[in-house]
Every structure is written in C-alpha cells, then in structure tokens.
Amino acid sequence: MPGGMERARSLAASGRYAAIEVFSDRLVAIADDGTTSVSMG
C-alpha cells in the first residue's frame, strides 16, 4: 500500500479514532468526540 494508507491502517487498528481521512500530503484522524489530529508527510 502507498505510505499514507499504511500509516492510516496503523491508526485504524489502534481503535482510538472514529474516522481517518487520507490525503496525498497528510492524514487527519477524527476521534469520537470530534477532535482531530493532523499528521503531515
């Protein structure tokens, strides 16, 4: 899988996030309470 997708898979496996958005330049992880975490690169 492309790098961003593999990183998203790791985040999804953690169970800490309700959704993970994958963009070409960043990942956006969204928690159940709506808070977001952005990972660049």
PDB file of N, CA and C in Angstrom:
ATOM      1  N   MET A   1       0.837  -1.186   0.000  1.00  0.00           N
ATOM      2  CA  MET A   1       0.000   0.000   0.000  1.00  0.00           C
ATOM      3  C   MET A   1       0.878   1.244   0.000  1.00  0.00           C
ATOM      4  N   PRO A   2       0.401   2.320  -0.588  1.00  0.00           N
ATOM      5  CA  PRO A   2       1.149   3.576  -0.502  1.00  0.00           C
ATOM      6  C   PRO A   2       1.350   3.974   0.957  1.00  0.00           C
ATOM      7  N   GLY A   3       2.397   4.731   1.237  1.00  0.00           N
ATOM      8  CA  GLY A   3       2.775   5.087   2.595  1.00  0.00           C
ATOM      9  C   GLY A   3       1.656   5.639   3.454  1.00  0.00           C
ATOM     10  N   GLY A   4       0.855   6.550   2.922  1.00  0.00           N
ATOM     11  CA  GLY A   4      -0.227   7.144   3.700  1.00  0.00           C
ATOM     12  C   GLY A   4      -1.274   6.131   4.099  1.00  0.00           C
ATOM     13  N   MET A   5      -1.549   5.201   3.221  1.00  0.00           N
ATOM     14  CA  MET A   5      -2.558   4.184   3.525  1.00  0.00           C
ATOM     15  C   MET A   5      -2.068   3.243   4.619  1.00  0.00           C
ATOM     16  N   GLU A   6      -0.811   2.892   4.593  1.00  0.00           N
ATOM     17  CA  GLU A   6      -0.259   2.009   5.619  1.00  0.00           C
ATOM     18  C   GLU A   6      -0.275   2.695   6.978  1.00  0.00           C
ATOM     19  N   ARG A   7       0.062   3.963   7.005  1.00  0.00           N
ATOM     20  CA  ARG A   7       0.000   4.725   8.264  1.00  0.00           C
ATOM     21  C   ARG A   7      -1.435   4.820   8.756  1.00  0.00           C
ATOM     22  N   ALA A   8      -2.382   5.007   7.854  1.00  0.00           N
ATOM     23  CA  ALA A   8      -3.797   5.070   8.236  1.00  0.00           C
ATOM     24  C   ALA A   8      -4.254   3.735   8.807  1.00  0.00           C
ATOM     25  N   ARG A   9      -3.779   2.663   8.246  1.00  0.00           N
ATOM     26  CA  ARG A   9      -4.146   1.339   8.747  1.00  0.00           C
ATOM     27  C   ARG A   9      -3.674   1.160  10.191  1.00  0.00           C
ATOM     28  N   SER A  10      -2.487   1.627  10.498  1.00  0.00           N
ATOM     29  CA  SER A  10      -1.965   1.541  11.870  1.00  0.00           C
ATOM     30  C   SER A  10      -2.833   2.346  12.830  1.00  0.00           C
ATOM     31  N   LEU A  11      -3.233   3.542  12.418  1.00  0.00           N
ATOM     32  CA  LEU A  11      -4.105   4.360  13.265  1.00  0.00           C
ATOM     33  C   LEU A  11      -5.463   3.694  13.457  1.00  0.00           C
ATOM     34  N   ALA A  12      -6.005   3.137  12.405  1.00  0.00           N
ATOM     35  CA  ALA A  12      -7.312   2.479  12.496  1.00  0.00           C
ATOM     36  C   ALA A  12      -7.254   1.274  13.429  1.00  0.00           C
ATOM     37  N   ALA A  13      -6.162   0.540  13.378  1.00  0.00           N
ATOM     38  CA  ALA A  13      -6.009  -0.643  14.226  1.00  0.00           C
ATOM     39  C   ALA A  13      -5.936  -0.282  15.705  1.00  0.00           C
ATOM     40  N   SER A  14      -5.524   0.943  16.002  1.00  0.00           N
ATOM     41  CA  SER A  14      -5.412   1.353  17.403  1.00  0.00           C
ATOM     42  C   SER A  14      -6.779   1.490  18.065  1.00  0.00           C
ATOM     43  N   GLY A  15      -7.832   1.711  17.266  1.00  0.00           N
ATOM     44  CA  GLY A  15      -9.167   1.862  17.805  1.00  0.00           C
ATOM     45  C   GLY A  15      -9.422   3.193  18.484  1.00  0.00           C
ATOM     46  N   ARG A  16      -8.501   4.130  18.373  1.00  0.00           N
ATOM     47  CA  ARG A  16      -8.625   5.425  19.043  1.00  0.00           C
ATOM     48  C   ARG A  16      -9.427   6.441  18.240  1.00  0.00           C
ATOM     49  N   TYR A  17      -9.680   6.148  16.962  1.00  0.00           N
ATOM     50  CA  TYR A  17     -10.309   7.141  16.100  1.00  0.00           C
ATOM     51  C   TYR A  17     -11.571   6.605  15.455  1.00  0.00           C
ATOM     52  N   ALA A  18     -12.558   7.496  15.264  1.00  0.00           N
ATOM     53  CA  ALA A  18     -13.814   7.129  14.609  1.00  0.00           C
ATOM     54  C   ALA A  18     -13.650   7.106  13.096  1.00  0.00           C
ATOM     55  N   ALA A  19     -12.771   7.972  12.584  1.00  0.00           N
ATOM     56  CA  ALA A  19     -12.541   8.060  11.142  1.00  0.00           C
ATOM     57  C   ALA A  19     -11.129   8.557  10.890  1.00  0.00           C
ATOM     58  N   ILE A  20     -10.600   8.176   9.746  1.00  0.00           N
ATOM     59  CA  ILE A  20      -9.277   8.636   9.326  1.00  0.00           C
ATOM     60  C   ILE A  20      -9.381   9.050   7.868  1.00  0.00           C
ATOM     61  N   GLU A  21      -9.049  10.302   7.609  1.00  0.00           N
ATOM     62  CA  GLU A  21      -9.077  10.826   6.242  1.00  0.00           C
ATOM     63  C   GLU A  21      -7.654  10.803   5.705  1.00  0.00           C
ATOM     64  N   VAL A  22      -7.483  10.268   4.506  1.00  0.00           N
ATOM     65  CA  VAL A  22      -6.157  10.143   3.898  1.00  0.00           C
ATOM     66  C   VAL A  22      -6.071  11.092   2.714  1.00  0.00           C
ATOM     67  N   PHE A  23      -5.118  12.001   2.761  1.00  0.00           N
ATOM     68  CA  PHE A  23      -4.841  12.939   1.681  1.00  0.00           C
ATOM     69  C   PHE A  23      -3.415  12.682   1.184  1.00  0.00           C
ATOM     70  N   SER A  24      -3.076  13.207   0.045  1.00  0.00           N
ATOM     71  CA  SER A  24      -1.745  12.968  -0.513  1.00  0.00           C
ATOM     72  C   SER A  24      -0.635  13.546   0.354  1.00  0.00           C
ATOM     73  N   ASP A  25      -0.944  14.582   1.142  1.00  0.00           N
ATOM     74  CA  ASP A  25       0.096  15.237   1.940  1.00  0.00           C
ATOM     75  C   ASP A  25      -0.120  15.152   3.448  1.00  0.00           C
ATOM     76  N   ARG A  26      -1.205  14.497   3.897  1.00  0.00           N
ATOM     77  CA  ARG A  26      -1.475  14.432   5.338  1.00  0.00           C
ATOM     78  C   ARG A  26      -2.536  13.388   5.661  1.00  0.00           C
ATOM     79  N   LEU A  27      -2.579  13.008   6.932  1.00  0.00           N
ATOM     80  CA  LEU A  27      -3.645  12.180   7.474  1.00  0.00           C
ATOM     81  C   LEU A  27      -4.386  13.011   8.501  1.00  0.00           C
ATOM     82  N   VAL A  28      -5.697  12.886   8.547  1.00  0.00           N
ATOM     83  CA  VAL A  28      -6.496  13.558   9.562  1.00  0.00           C
ATOM     84  C   VAL A  28      -7.267  12.476  10.304  1.00  0.00           C
ATOM     85  N   ALA A  29      -6.950  12.318  11.585  1.00  0.00           N
ATOM     86  CA  ALA A  29      -7.627  11.326  12.416  1.00  0.00           C
ATOM     87  C   ALA A  29      -8.677  12.054  13.253  1.00  0.00           C
ATOM     88  N   ILE A  30      -9.888  11.520  13.271  1.00  0.00           N
ATOM     89  CA  ILE A  30     -11.009  12.159  13.961  1.00  0.00           C
ATOM     90  C   ILE A  30     -11.495  11.234  15.066  1.00  0.00           C
ATOM     91  N   ALA A  31     -11.459  11.749  16.297  1.00  0.00           N
ATOM     92  CA  ALA A  31     -11.901  10.973  17.456  1.00  0.00           C
ATOM     93  C   ALA A  31     -13.418  11.007  17.583  1.00  0.00           C
ATOM     94  N   ASP A  32     -13.955  10.142  18.421  1.00  0.00           N
ATOM     95  CA  ASP A  32     -15.410  10.099  18.650  1.00  0.00           C
ATOM     96  C   ASP A  32     -15.974  11.427  19.108  1.00  0.00           C
ATOM     97  N   ASP A  33     -15.187  12.194  19.864  1.00  0.00           N
ATOM     98  CA  ASP A  33     -15.686  13.477  20.371  1.00  0.00           C
ATOM     99  C   ASP A  33     -15.499  14.623  19.372  1.00  0.00           C
ATOM    100  N   GLY A  34     -14.991  14.318  18.183  1.00  0.00           N
ATOM    101  CA  GLY A  34     -14.835  15.317  17.136  1.00  0.00           C
ATOM    102  C   GLY A  34     -13.480  15.993  17.069  1.00  0.00           C
ATOM    103  N   THR A  35     -12.619  15.742  18.053  1.00  0.00           N
ATOM    104  CA  THR A  35     -11.292  16.341  17.996  1.00  0.00           C
ATOM    105  C   THR A  35     -10.507  15.687  16.851  1.00  0.00           C
ATOM    106  N   THR A  36      -9.624  16.473  16.273  1.00  0.00           N
ATOM    107  CA  THR A  36      -8.837  15.989  15.153  1.00  0.00           C
ATOM    108  C   THR A  36      -7.360  16.039  15.455  1.00  0.00           C
ATOM    109  N   SER A  37      -6.643  15.175  14.783  1.00  0.00           N
ATOM    110  CA  SER A  37      -5.196  15.135  14.855  1.00  0.00           C
ATOM    111  C   SER A  37      -4.690  15.058  13.425  1.00  0.00           C
ATOM    112  N   VAL A  38      -3.775  15.967  13.073  1.00  0.00           N
ATOM    113  CA  VAL A  38      -3.253  16.015  11.712  1.00  0.00           C
ATOM    114  C   VAL A  38      -1.806  15.558  11.710  1.00  0.00           C
ATOM    115  N   SER A  39      -1.503  14.646  10.800  1.00  0.00           N
ATOM    116  CA  SER A  39      -0.140  14.147  10.629  1.00  0.00           C
ATOM    117  C   SER A  39       0.304  14.516   9.223  1.00  0.00           C
ATOM    118  N   MET A  40       1.334  15.319   9.130  1.00  0.00           N
ATOM    119  CA  MET A  40       1.845  15.753   7.831  1.00  0.00           C
ATOM    120  C   MET A  40       2.883  14.759   7.314  1.00  0.00           C
ATOM    121  N   GLY A  41       2.992  14.729   6.013  1.00  0.00           N
ATOM    122  CA  GLY A  41       4.091  13.977   5.448  1.00  0.00           C
ATOM    123  C   GLY A  41       3.690  12.791   4.747  1.00  0.00           C
TER     124      GLY A  41
END
